């Protein structure tokens, strides 16, 4: 287990250092287009979650809720923090609905 953890941490460290070094080589006009990478990552994660579940309607509803909440959260908390806060909020609401549905079915 120690060898496995050490290997994972060493790879993580090397990847971060390599990413930081390579990021300095990226021209400034490309950096602006890379800001979409975080949004694209979340979209990819949502699509993978939805395709591998039985609760597609609930997950699509939670994804739409996140889209609706992004702008109000951006006005309240700033653009950078709003994406993360929106994802967390929508996830908690989705988990609450799932827990509520499972308790109503078992009663």
PDB file of N, CA and C in Angstrom:
ATOM      1  N   UNK A   1       0.823  -1.180   0.000  1.00  0.00           N
ATOM      2  CA  UNK A   1       0.000   0.000   0.000  1.00  0.00           C
ATOM      3  C   UNK A   1       0.874   1.253   0.000  1.00  0.00           C
ATOM      4  N   UNK A   2       1.965   1.214   0.751  1.00  0.00           N
ATOM      5  CA  UNK A   2       2.857   2.371   0.790  1.00  0.00           C
ATOM      6  C   UNK A   2       3.435   2.643  -0.595  1.00  0.00           C
ATOM      7  N   UNK A   3       3.852   1.589  -1.299  1.00  0.00           N
ATOM      8  CA  UNK A   3       4.392   1.759  -2.645  1.00  0.00           C
ATOM      9  C   UNK A   3       3.368   2.332  -3.604  1.00  0.00           C
ATOM     10  N   UNK A   4       2.127   1.875  -3.484  1.00  0.00           N
ATOM     11  CA  UNK A   4       1.059   2.382  -4.333  1.00  0.00           C
ATOM     12  C   UNK A   4       0.803   3.867  -4.070  1.00  0.00           C
ATOM     13  N   UNK A   5       0.732   4.244  -2.792  1.00  0.00           N
ATOM     14  CA  UNK A   5       0.506   5.651  -2.452  1.00  0.00           C
ATOM     15  C   UNK A   5       1.679   6.528  -2.862  1.00  0.00           C
ATOM     16  N   UNK A   6       2.896   6.047  -2.648  1.00  0.00           N
ATOM     17  CA  UNK A   6       4.067   6.827  -3.053  1.00  0.00           C
ATOM     18  C   UNK A   6       4.095   7.038  -4.560  1.00  0.00           C
ATOM     19  N   UNK A   7       3.794   5.991  -5.299  1.00  0.00           N
ATOM     20  CA  UNK A   7       3.770   6.111  -6.757  1.00  0.00           C
ATOM     21  C   UNK A   7       2.715   7.121  -7.205  1.00  0.00           C
ATOM     22  N   UNK A   8       1.546   7.067  -6.591  1.00  0.00           N
ATOM     23  CA  UNK A   8       0.480   8.005  -6.956  1.00  0.00           C
ATOM     24  C   UNK A   8       0.884   9.444  -6.640  1.00  0.00           C
ATOM     25  N   UNK A   9       1.462   9.682  -5.468  1.00  0.00           N
ATOM     26  CA  UNK A   9       1.853  11.042  -5.094  1.00  0.00           C
ATOM     27  C   UNK A   9       3.006  11.558  -5.941  1.00  0.00           C
ATOM     28  N   UNK A  10       3.946  10.688  -6.258  1.00  0.00           N
ATOM     29  CA  UNK A  10       5.076  11.111  -7.101  1.00  0.00           C
ATOM     30  C   UNK A  10       4.574  11.467  -8.505  1.00  0.00           C
ATOM     31  N   UNK A  11       3.690  10.638  -9.045  1.00  0.00           N
ATOM     32  CA  UNK A  11       3.112  10.951 -10.365  1.00  0.00           C
ATOM     33  C   UNK A  11       2.306  12.242 -10.333  1.00  0.00           C
ATOM     34  N   UNK A  12       1.557  12.459  -9.263  1.00  0.00           N
ATOM     35  CA  UNK A  12       0.781  13.694  -9.122  1.00  0.00           C
ATOM     36  C   UNK A  12       1.718  14.898  -9.085  1.00  0.00           C
ATOM     37  N   UNK A  13       2.800  14.793  -8.320  1.00  0.00           N
ATOM     38  CA  UNK A  13       3.765  15.884  -8.207  1.00  0.00           C
ATOM     39  C   UNK A  13       4.438  16.169  -9.555  1.00  0.00           C
ATOM     40  N   UNK A  14       4.885  15.125 -10.229  1.00  0.00           N
ATOM     41  CA  UNK A  14       5.541  15.294 -11.530  1.00  0.00           C
ATOM     42  C   UNK A  14       4.570  15.897 -12.551  1.00  0.00           C
ATOM     43  N   UNK A  15       3.326  15.448 -12.535  1.00  0.00           N
ATOM     44  CA  UNK A  15       2.322  15.990 -13.447  1.00  0.00           C
ATOM     45  C   UNK A  15       2.059  17.464 -13.196  1.00  0.00           C
ATOM     46  N   UNK A  16       1.997  17.855 -11.924  1.00  0.00           N
ATOM     47  CA  UNK A  16       1.780  19.272 -11.609  1.00  0.00           C
ATOM     48  C   UNK A  16       2.962  20.132 -12.021  1.00  0.00           C
ATOM     49  N   UNK A  17       4.167  19.666 -11.774  1.00  0.00           N
ATOM     50  CA  UNK A  17       5.354  20.432 -12.166  1.00  0.00           C
ATOM     51  C   UNK A  17       5.422  20.541 -13.689  1.00  0.00           C
ATOM     52  N   UNK A  18       5.182  19.432 -14.379  1.00  0.00           N
ATOM     53  CA  UNK A  18       5.214  19.459 -15.842  1.00  0.00           C
ATOM     54  C   UNK A  18       4.120  20.374 -16.391  1.00  0.00           C
ATOM     55  N   UNK A  19       2.939  20.341 -15.797  1.00  0.00           N
ATOM     56  CA  UNK A  19       1.859  21.214 -16.235  1.00  0.00           C
ATOM     57  C   UNK A  19       2.190  22.682 -16.025  1.00  0.00           C
ATOM     58  N   UNK A  20       2.805  22.986 -14.890  1.00  0.00           N
ATOM     59  CA  UNK A  20       3.181  24.376 -14.621  1.00  0.00           C
ATOM     60  C   UNK A  20       4.247  24.856 -15.599  1.00  0.00           C
ATOM     61  N   UNK A  21       5.188  23.987 -15.935  1.00  0.00           N
ATOM     62  CA  UNK A  21       6.245  24.369 -16.873  1.00  0.00           C
ATOM     63  C   UNK A  21       5.703  24.526 -18.295  1.00  0.00           C
ATOM     64  N   UNK A  22       4.849  23.623 -18.703  1.00  0.00           N
ATOM     65  CA  UNK A  22       4.287  23.690 -20.046  1.00  0.00           C
ATOM     66  C   UNK A  22       3.323  24.876 -20.167  1.00  0.00           C
ATOM     67  N   UNK A  23       2.628  25.212 -19.085  1.00  0.00           N
ATOM     68  CA  UNK A  23       1.676  26.331 -19.122  1.00  0.00           C
ATOM     69  C   UNK A  23       2.378  27.654 -19.400  1.00  0.00           C
ATOM     70  N   UNK A  24       3.645  27.767 -19.020  1.00  0.00           N
ATOM     71  CA  UNK A  24       4.366  29.015 -19.295  1.00  0.00           C
ATOM     72  C   UNK A  24       4.688  29.158 -20.783  1.00  0.00           C
ATOM     73  N   UNK A  25       4.628  28.066 -21.521  1.00  0.00           N
ATOM     74  CA  UNK A  25       4.921  28.097 -22.948  1.00  0.00           C
ATOM     75  C   UNK A  25       3.703  28.441 -23.806  1.00  0.00           C
ATOM     76  N   UNK A  26       2.523  28.428 -23.201  1.00  0.00           N
ATOM     77  CA  UNK A  26       1.297  28.699 -23.953  1.00  0.00           C
ATOM     78  C   UNK A  26       1.196  30.195 -24.233  1.00  0.00           C
ATOM     79  N   UNK A  27       0.980  30.579 -25.493  1.00  0.00           N
ATOM     80  CA  UNK A  27       0.830  32.004 -25.816  1.00  0.00           C
ATOM     81  C   UNK A  27      -0.384  32.614 -25.109  1.00  0.00           C
ATOM     82  N   UNK A  28      -0.293  33.887 -24.741  1.00  0.00           N
ATOM     83  CA  UNK A  28      -1.390  34.525 -23.989  1.00  0.00           C
ATOM     84  C   UNK A  28      -2.742  34.503 -24.704  1.00  0.00           C
ATOM     85  N   UNK A  29      -2.756  34.573 -26.031  1.00  0.00           N
ATOM     86  CA  UNK A  29      -4.049  34.576 -26.726  1.00  0.00           C
ATOM     87  C   UNK A  29      -4.748  33.221 -26.649  1.00  0.00           C
ATOM     88  N   UNK A  30      -4.004  32.142 -26.397  1.00  0.00           N
ATOM     89  CA  UNK A  30      -4.623  30.823 -26.211  1.00  0.00           C
ATOM     90  C   UNK A  30      -5.143  30.639 -24.795  1.00  0.00           C
ATOM     91  N   UNK A  31      -4.571  31.334 -23.831  1.00  0.00           N
ATOM     92  CA  UNK A  31      -5.001  31.181 -22.447  1.00  0.00           C
ATOM     93  C   UNK A  31      -6.460  31.575 -22.258  1.00  0.00           C
ATOM     94  N   UNK A  32      -6.900  32.581 -22.993  1.00  0.00           N
ATOM     95  CA  UNK A  32      -8.288  33.008 -22.879  1.00  0.00           C
ATOM     96  C   UNK A  32      -9.237  31.895 -23.325  1.00  0.00           C
ATOM     97  N   UNK A  33      -8.883  31.174 -24.357  1.00  0.00           N
ATOM     98  CA  UNK A  33      -9.753  30.098 -24.838  1.00  0.00           C
ATOM     99  C   UNK A  33      -9.730  28.894 -23.906  1.00  0.00           C
ATOM    100  N   UNK A  34      -8.723  28.751 -23.067  1.00  0.00           N
ATOM    101  CA  UNK A  34      -8.649  27.627 -22.142  1.00  0.00           C
ATOM    102  C   UNK A  34      -9.554  27.806 -20.929  1.00  0.00           C
ATOM    103  N   UNK A  35     -10.117  28.995 -20.740  1.00  0.00           N
ATOM    104  CA  UNK A  35     -11.025  29.207 -19.618  1.00  0.00           C
ATOM    105  C   UNK A  35     -12.281  28.356 -19.748  1.00  0.00           C
ATOM    106  N   UNK A  36     -12.591  27.945 -20.948  1.00  0.00           N
ATOM    107  CA  UNK A  36     -13.753  27.091 -21.167  1.00  0.00           C
ATOM    108  C   UNK A  36     -13.487  25.652 -20.718  1.00  0.00           C
ATOM    109  N   UNK A  37     -12.250  25.308 -20.431  1.00  0.00           N
ATOM    110  CA  UNK A  37     -11.902  23.931 -20.084  1.00  0.00           C
ATOM    111  C   UNK A  37     -12.626  23.461 -18.822  1.00  0.00           C
ATOM    112  N   UNK A  38     -12.771  24.306 -17.820  1.00  0.00           N
ATOM    113  CA  UNK A  38     -13.464  23.916 -16.593  1.00  0.00           C
ATOM    114  C   UNK A  38     -14.935  23.624 -16.880  1.00  0.00           C
ATOM    115  N   UNK A  39     -15.564  24.474 -17.661  1.00  0.00           N
ATOM    116  CA  UNK A  39     -16.966  24.265 -18.016  1.00  0.00           C
ATOM    117  C   UNK A  39     -17.110  22.980 -18.833  1.00  0.00           C
ATOM    118  N   UNK A  40     -16.209  22.762 -19.770  1.00  0.00           N
ATOM    119  CA  UNK A  40     -16.269  21.551 -20.596  1.00  0.00           C
ATOM    120  C   UNK A  40     -16.064  20.299 -19.745  1.00  0.00           C
ATOM    121  N   UNK A  41     -15.199  20.383 -18.746  1.00  0.00           N
ATOM    122  CA  UNK A  41     -14.981  19.236 -17.869  1.00  0.00           C
ATOM    123  C   UNK A  41     -16.257  18.892 -17.108  1.00  0.00           C
ATOM    124  N   UNK A  42     -16.943  19.918 -16.572  1.00  0.00           N
ATOM    125  CA  UNK A  42     -18.185  19.659 -15.855  1.00  0.00           C
ATOM    126  C   UNK A  42     -19.263  19.103 -16.780  1.00  0.00           C
ATOM    127  N   UNK A  43     -19.324  19.594 -18.005  1.00  0.00           N
ATOM    128  CA  UNK A  43     -20.297  19.067 -18.964  1.00  0.00           C
ATOM    129  C   UNK A  43     -19.999  17.599 -19.259  1.00  0.00           C
ATOM    130  N   UNK A  44     -18.724  17.275 -19.439  1.00  0.00           N
ATOM    131  CA  UNK A  44     -18.347  15.883 -19.676  1.00  0.00           C
ATOM    132  C   UNK A  44     -18.695  14.981 -18.508  1.00  0.00           C
ATOM    133  N   UNK A  45     -18.468  15.466 -17.290  1.00  0.00           N
ATOM    134  CA  UNK A  45     -18.809  14.667 -16.109  1.00  0.00           C
ATOM    135  C   UNK A  45     -20.310  14.453 -15.988  1.00  0.00           C
ATOM    136  N   UNK A  46     -21.081  15.477 -16.305  1.00  0.00           N
ATOM    137  CA  UNK A  46     -22.538  15.343 -16.231  1.00  0.00           C
ATOM    138  C   UNK A  46     -23.040  14.354 -17.277  1.00  0.00           C
ATOM    139  N   UNK A  47     -22.516  14.442 -18.489  1.00  0.00           N
ATOM    140  CA  UNK A  47     -22.948  13.522 -19.548  1.00  0.00           C
ATOM    141  C   UNK A  47     -22.613  12.080 -19.175  1.00  0.00           C
ATOM    142  N   UNK A  48     -21.424  11.854 -18.626  1.00  0.00           N
ATOM    143  CA  UNK A  48     -21.060  10.496 -18.206  1.00  0.00           C
ATOM    144  C   UNK A  48     -21.959   9.992 -17.086  1.00  0.00           C
ATOM    145  N   UNK A  49     -22.312  10.870 -16.156  1.00  0.00           N
ATOM    146  CA  UNK A  49     -23.205  10.474 -15.067  1.00  0.00           C
ATOM    147  C   UNK A  49     -24.594  10.126 -15.583  1.00  0.00           C
ATOM    148  N   UNK A  50     -25.098  10.932 -16.492  1.00  0.00           N
ATOM    149  CA  UNK A  50     -26.467  10.724 -16.977  1.00  0.00           C
ATOM    150  C   UNK A  50     -26.569   9.446 -17.803  1.00  0.00           C
ATOM    151  N   UNK A  51     -25.565   9.166 -18.620  1.00  0.00           N
ATOM    152  CA  UNK A  51     -25.650   7.973 -19.469  1.00  0.00           C
ATOM    153  C   UNK A  51     -25.507   6.684 -18.671  1.00  0.00           C
ATOM    154  N   UNK A  52     -24.940   6.742 -17.493  1.00  0.00           N
ATOM    155  CA  UNK A  52     -24.735   5.524 -16.716  1.00  0.00           C
ATOM    156  C   UNK A  52     -25.667   5.368 -15.537  1.00  0.00           C
ATOM    157  N   UNK A  53     -26.859   5.945 -15.583  1.00  0.00           N
ATOM    158  CA  UNK A  53     -27.768   5.870 -14.440  1.00  0.00           C
ATOM    159  C   UNK A  53     -29.181   5.517 -14.876  1.00  0.00           C
ATOM    160  N   UNK A  54     -29.967   5.087 -13.917  1.00  0.00           N
ATOM    161  CA  UNK A  54     -31.375   4.799 -14.186  1.00  0.00           C
ATOM    162  C   UNK A  54     -32.233   6.040 -13.970  1.00  0.00           C
ATOM    163  N   UNK A  55     -31.748   7.000 -13.189  1.00  0.00           N
ATOM    164  CA  UNK A  55     -32.493   8.206 -12.829  1.00  0.00           C
ATOM    165  C   UNK A  55     -32.189   9.354 -13.786  1.00  0.00           C
ATOM    166  N   UNK A  56     -32.342   9.137 -15.064  1.00  0.00           N
ATOM    167  CA  UNK A  56     -31.971  10.156 -16.053  1.00  0.00           C
ATOM    168  C   UNK A  56     -32.768  11.451 -15.887  1.00  0.00           C
ATOM    169  N   UNK A  57     -34.049  11.352 -15.606  1.00  0.00           N
ATOM    170  CA  UNK A  57     -34.877  12.546 -15.496  1.00  0.00           C
ATOM    171  C   UNK A  57     -34.438  13.428 -14.323  1.00  0.00           C
ATOM    172  N   UNK A  58     -34.142  12.819 -13.191  1.00  0.00           N
ATOM    173  CA  UNK A  58     -33.675  13.583 -12.034  1.00  0.00           C
ATOM    174  C   UNK A  58     -32.334  14.239 -12.324  1.00  0.00           C
ATOM    175  N   UNK A  59     -31.418  13.514 -12.946  1.00  0.00           N
ATOM    176  CA  UNK A  59     -30.104  14.075 -13.198  1.00  0.00           C
ATOM    177  C   UNK A  59     -30.146  15.179 -14.252  1.00  0.00           C
ATOM    178  N   UNK A  60     -30.984  15.044 -15.239  1.00  0.00           N
ATOM    179  CA  UNK A  60     -31.136  16.122 -16.226  1.00  0.00           C
ATOM    180  C   UNK A  60     -31.738  17.354 -15.549  1.00  0.00           C
ATOM    181  N   UNK A  61     -32.703  17.134 -14.652  1.00  0.00           N
ATOM    182  CA  UNK A  61     -33.299  18.256 -13.918  1.00  0.00           C
ATOM    183  C   UNK A  61     -32.260  18.968 -13.056  1.00  0.00           C
ATOM    184  N   UNK A  62     -31.402  18.208 -12.399  1.00  0.00           N
ATOM    185  CA  UNK A  62     -30.358  18.805 -11.564  1.00  0.00           C
ATOM    186  C   UNK A  62     -29.356  19.564 -12.435  1.00  0.00           C
ATOM    187  N   UNK A  63     -29.021  19.025 -13.592  1.00  0.00           N
ATOM    188  CA  UNK A  63     -28.112  19.726 -14.500  1.00  0.00           C
ATOM    189  C   UNK A  63     -28.726  21.042 -14.977  1.00  0.00           C
ATOM    190  N   UNK A  64     -30.007  21.024 -15.312  1.00  0.00           N
ATOM    191  CA  UNK A  64     -30.686  22.259 -15.726  1.00  0.00           C
ATOM    192  C   UNK A  64     -30.770  23.256 -14.578  1.00  0.00           C
ATOM    193  N   UNK A  65     -30.983  22.755 -13.358  1.00  0.00           N
ATOM    194  CA  UNK A  65     -30.987  23.629 -12.186  1.00  0.00           C
ATOM    195  C   UNK A  65     -29.633  24.311 -12.022  1.00  0.00           C
ATOM    196  N   UNK A  66     -28.571  23.564 -12.246  1.00  0.00           N
ATOM    197  CA  UNK A  66     -27.229  24.147 -12.147  1.00  0.00           C
ATOM    198  C   UNK A  66     -27.034  25.246 -13.184  1.00  0.00           C
ATOM    199  N   UNK A  67     -27.531  25.018 -14.389  1.00  0.00           N
ATOM    200  CA  UNK A  67     -27.406  26.032 -15.443  1.00  0.00           C
ATOM    201  C   UNK A  67     -28.175  27.298 -15.052  1.00  0.00           C
ATOM    202  N   UNK A  68     -29.361  27.117 -14.483  1.00  0.00           N
ATOM    203  CA  UNK A  68     -30.178  28.260 -14.082  1.00  0.00           C
ATOM    204  C   UNK A  68     -29.528  29.024 -12.929  1.00  0.00           C
ATOM    205  N   UNK A  69     -28.872  28.312 -12.014  1.00  0.00           N
ATOM    206  CA  UNK A  69     -28.291  28.957 -10.830  1.00  0.00           C
ATOM    207  C   UNK A  69     -26.959  29.654 -11.089  1.00  0.00           C
ATOM    208  N   UNK A  70     -26.304  29.364 -12.195  1.00  0.00           N
ATOM    209  CA  UNK A  70     -24.966  29.922 -12.425  1.00  0.00           C
ATOM    210  C   UNK A  70     -24.986  31.447 -12.431  1.00  0.00           C
ATOM    211  N   UNK A  71     -25.889  32.041 -13.152  1.00  0.00           N
ATOM    212  CA  UNK A  71     -25.886  33.507 -13.274  1.00  0.00           C
ATOM    213  C   UNK A  71     -26.223  34.215 -11.963  1.00  0.00           C
ATOM    214  N   UNK A  72     -27.273  33.790 -11.237  1.00  0.00           N
ATOM    215  CA  UNK A  72     -27.509  34.446  -9.941  1.00  0.00           C
ATOM    216  C   UNK A  72     -26.339  34.274  -8.968  1.00  0.00           C
ATOM    217  N   UNK A  73     -25.740  33.088  -8.953  1.00  0.00           N
ATOM    218  CA  UNK A  73     -24.594  32.873  -8.070  1.00  0.00           C
ATOM    219  C   UNK A  73     -23.399  33.713  -8.513  1.00  0.00           C
ATOM    220  N   UNK A  74     -23.242  33.917  -9.818  1.00  0.00           N
ATOM    221  CA  UNK A  74     -22.153  34.752 -10.319  1.00  0.00           C
ATOM    222  C   UNK A  74     -22.328  36.191  -9.868  1.00  0.00           C
ATOM    223  N   UNK A  75     -23.578  36.653  -9.844  1.00  0.00           N
ATOM    224  CA  UNK A  75     -23.824  38.024  -9.380  1.00  0.00           C
ATOM    225  C   UNK A  75     -23.569  38.159  -7.877  1.00  0.00           C
ATOM    226  N   UNK A  76     -23.889  37.108  -7.129  1.00  0.00           N
ATOM    227  CA  UNK A  76     -23.726  37.174  -5.678  1.00  0.00           C
ATOM    228  C   UNK A  76     -22.296  36.903  -5.216  1.00  0.00           C
ATOM    229  N   UNK A  77     -21.640  35.913  -5.820  1.00  0.00           N
ATOM    230  CA  UNK A  77     -20.359  35.447  -5.314  1.00  0.00           C
ATOM    231  C   UNK A  77     -19.188  35.634  -6.265  1.00  0.00           C
ATOM    232  N   UNK A  78     -19.424  36.139  -7.460  1.00  0.00           N
ATOM    233  CA  UNK A  78     -18.358  36.313  -8.443  1.00  0.00           C
ATOM    234  C   UNK A  78     -18.318  35.160  -9.424  1.00  0.00           C
ATOM    235  N   UNK A  79     -17.779  35.440 -10.607  1.00  0.00           N
ATOM    236  CA  UNK A  79     -17.774  34.440 -11.691  1.00  0.00           C
ATOM    237  C   UNK A  79     -16.956  33.205 -11.351  1.00  0.00           C
ATOM    238  N   UNK A  80     -15.785  33.377 -10.777  1.00  0.00           N
ATOM    239  CA  UNK A  80     -14.876  32.252 -10.562  1.00  0.00           C
ATOM    240  C   UNK A  80     -15.439  31.232  -9.582  1.00  0.00           C
ATOM    241  N   UNK A  81     -16.098  31.687  -8.550  1.00  0.00           N
ATOM    242  CA  UNK A  81     -16.593  30.787  -7.510  1.00  0.00           C
ATOM    243  C   UNK A  81     -17.967  30.226  -7.837  1.00  0.00           C
ATOM    244  N   UNK A  82     -18.691  30.871  -8.752  1.00  0.00           N
ATOM    245  CA  UNK A  82     -20.087  30.493  -8.999  1.00  0.00           C
ATOM    246  C   UNK A  82     -20.231  29.102  -9.607  1.00  0.00           C
ATOM    247  N   UNK A  83     -19.315  28.691 -10.470  1.00  0.00           N
ATOM    248  CA  UNK A  83     -19.435  27.370 -11.109  1.00  0.00           C
ATOM    249  C   UNK A  83     -19.325  26.265 -10.067  1.00  0.00           C
ATOM    250  N   UNK A  84     -18.353  26.393  -9.190  1.00  0.00           N
ATOM    251  CA  UNK A  84     -18.156  25.365  -8.164  1.00  0.00           C
ATOM    252  C   UNK A  84     -19.320  25.373  -7.178  1.00  0.00           C
ATOM    253  N   UNK A  85     -19.722  26.551  -6.732  1.00  0.00           N
ATOM    254  CA  UNK A  85     -20.816  26.656  -5.773  1.00  0.00           C
ATOM    255  C   UNK A  85     -22.130  26.159  -6.374  1.00  0.00           C
ATOM    256  N   UNK A  86     -22.349  26.444  -7.645  1.00  0.00           N
ATOM    257  CA  UNK A  86     -23.558  25.971  -8.316  1.00  0.00           C
ATOM    258  C   UNK A  86     -23.568  24.450  -8.407  1.00  0.00           C
ATOM    259  N   UNK A  87     -22.440  23.861  -8.756  1.00  0.00           N
ATOM    260  CA  UNK A  87     -22.364  22.402  -8.857  1.00  0.00           C
ATOM    261  C   UNK A  87     -22.629  21.742  -7.508  1.00  0.00           C
ATOM    262  N   UNK A  88     -22.058  22.311  -6.458  1.00  0.00           N
ATOM    263  CA  UNK A  88     -22.265  21.746  -5.119  1.00  0.00           C
ATOM    264  C   UNK A  88     -23.727  21.890  -4.698  1.00  0.00           C
ATOM    265  N   UNK A  89     -24.306  23.065  -4.917  1.00  0.00           N
ATOM    266  CA  UNK A  89     -25.700  23.307  -4.531  1.00  0.00           C
ATOM    267  C   UNK A  89     -26.652  22.386  -5.285  1.00  0.00           C
ATOM    268  N   UNK A  90     -26.490  22.295  -6.583  1.00  0.00           N
ATOM    269  CA  UNK A  90     -27.370  21.431  -7.381  1.00  0.00           C
ATOM    270  C   UNK A  90     -27.196  19.964  -6.987  1.00  0.00           C
ATOM    271  N   UNK A  91     -25.973  19.555  -6.682  1.00  0.00           N
ATOM    272  CA  UNK A  91     -25.734  18.171  -6.259  1.00  0.00           C
ATOM    273  C   UNK A  91     -26.434  17.865  -4.948  1.00  0.00           C
ATOM    274  N   UNK A  92     -26.344  18.793  -3.992  1.00  0.00           N
ATOM    275  CA  UNK A  92     -27.029  18.578  -2.716  1.00  0.00           C
ATOM    276  C   UNK A  92     -28.541  18.520  -2.892  1.00  0.00           C
ATOM    277  N   UNK A  93     -29.085  19.351  -3.746  1.00  0.00           N
ATOM    278  CA  UNK A  93     -30.526  19.315  -4.000  1.00  0.00           C
ATOM    279  C   UNK A  93     -30.901  17.981  -4.640  1.00  0.00           C
ATOM    280  N   UNK A  94     -30.112  17.531  -5.603  1.00  0.00           N
ATOM    281  CA  UNK A  94     -30.370  16.237  -6.237  1.00  0.00           C
ATOM    282  C   UNK A  94     -30.288  15.082  -5.253  1.00  0.00           C
ATOM    283  N   UNK A  95     -29.302  15.123  -4.367  1.00  0.00           N
ATOM    284  CA  UNK A  95     -29.187  14.070  -3.346  1.00  0.00           C
ATOM    285  C   UNK A  95     -30.378  14.101  -2.397  1.00  0.00           C
ATOM    286  N   UNK A  96     -30.834  15.311  -2.047  1.00  0.00           N
ATOM    287  CA  UNK A  96     -31.996  15.419  -1.171  1.00  0.00           C
ATOM    288  C   UNK A  96     -33.253  14.855  -1.815  1.00  0.00           C
ATOM    289  N   UNK A  97     -33.430  15.141  -3.097  1.00  0.00           N
ATOM    290  CA  UNK A  97     -34.599  14.601  -3.809  1.00  0.00           C
ATOM    291  C   UNK A  97     -34.512  13.085  -3.884  1.00  0.00           C
ATOM    292  N   UNK A  98     -33.327  12.549  -4.153  1.00  0.00           N
ATOM    293  CA  UNK A  98     -33.172  11.085  -4.205  1.00  0.00           C
ATOM    294  C   UNK A  98     -33.464  10.451  -2.848  1.00  0.00           C
ATOM    295  N   UNK A  99     -32.968  11.061  -1.765  1.00  0.00           N
ATOM    296  CA  UNK A  99     -33.221  10.524  -0.430  1.00  0.00           C
ATOM    297  C   UNK A  99     -34.708  10.601  -0.096  1.00  0.00           C
ATOM    298  N   UNK A 100     -35.348  11.717  -0.470  1.00  0.00           N
ATOM    299  CA  UNK A 100     -36.781  11.873  -0.202  1.00  0.00           C
ATOM    300  C   UNK A 100     -37.583  10.846  -0.974  1.00  0.00           C
ATOM    301  N   UNK A 101     -37.212  10.610  -2.250  1.00  0.00           N
ATOM    302  CA  UNK A 101     -37.925   9.623  -3.066  1.00  0.00           C
ATOM    303  C   UNK A 101     -37.760   8.218  -2.514  1.00  0.00           C
ATOM    304  N   UNK A 102     -36.566   7.900  -2.019  1.00  0.00           N
ATOM    305  CA  UNK A 102     -36.345   6.547  -1.509  1.00  0.00           C
ATOM    306  C   UNK A 102     -37.088   6.335  -0.190  1.00  0.00           C
ATOM    307  N   UNK A 103     -37.245   7.379   0.636  1.00  0.00           N
ATOM    308  CA  UNK A 103     -37.991   7.207   1.878  1.00  0.00           C
ATOM    309  C   UNK A 103     -39.492   7.119   1.613  1.00  0.00           C
ATOM    310  N   UNK A 104     -39.988   7.839   0.601  1.00  0.00           N
ATOM    311  CA  UNK A 104     -41.420   7.753   0.294  1.00  0.00           C
ATOM    312  C   UNK A 104     -41.787   6.433  -0.344  1.00  0.00           C
ATOM    313  N   UNK A 105     -40.856   5.824  -1.071  1.00  0.00           N
ATOM    314  CA  UNK A 105     -41.135   4.516  -1.688  1.00  0.00           C
ATOM    315  C   UNK A 105     -41.150   3.413  -0.639  1.00  0.00           C
ATOM    316  N   UNK A 106     -40.266   3.533   0.380  1.00  0.00           N
ATOM    317  CA  UNK A 106     -40.189   2.471   1.381  1.00  0.00           C
ATOM    318  C   UNK A 106     -41.289   2.578   2.429  1.00  0.00           C
ATOM    319  N   UNK A 107     -41.988   3.724   2.521  1.00  0.00           N
ATOM    320  CA  UNK A 107     -43.057   3.856   3.517  1.00  0.00           C
ATOM    321  C   UNK A 107     -44.360   3.316   3.041  1.00  0.00           C
TER     322      UNK A 107
END
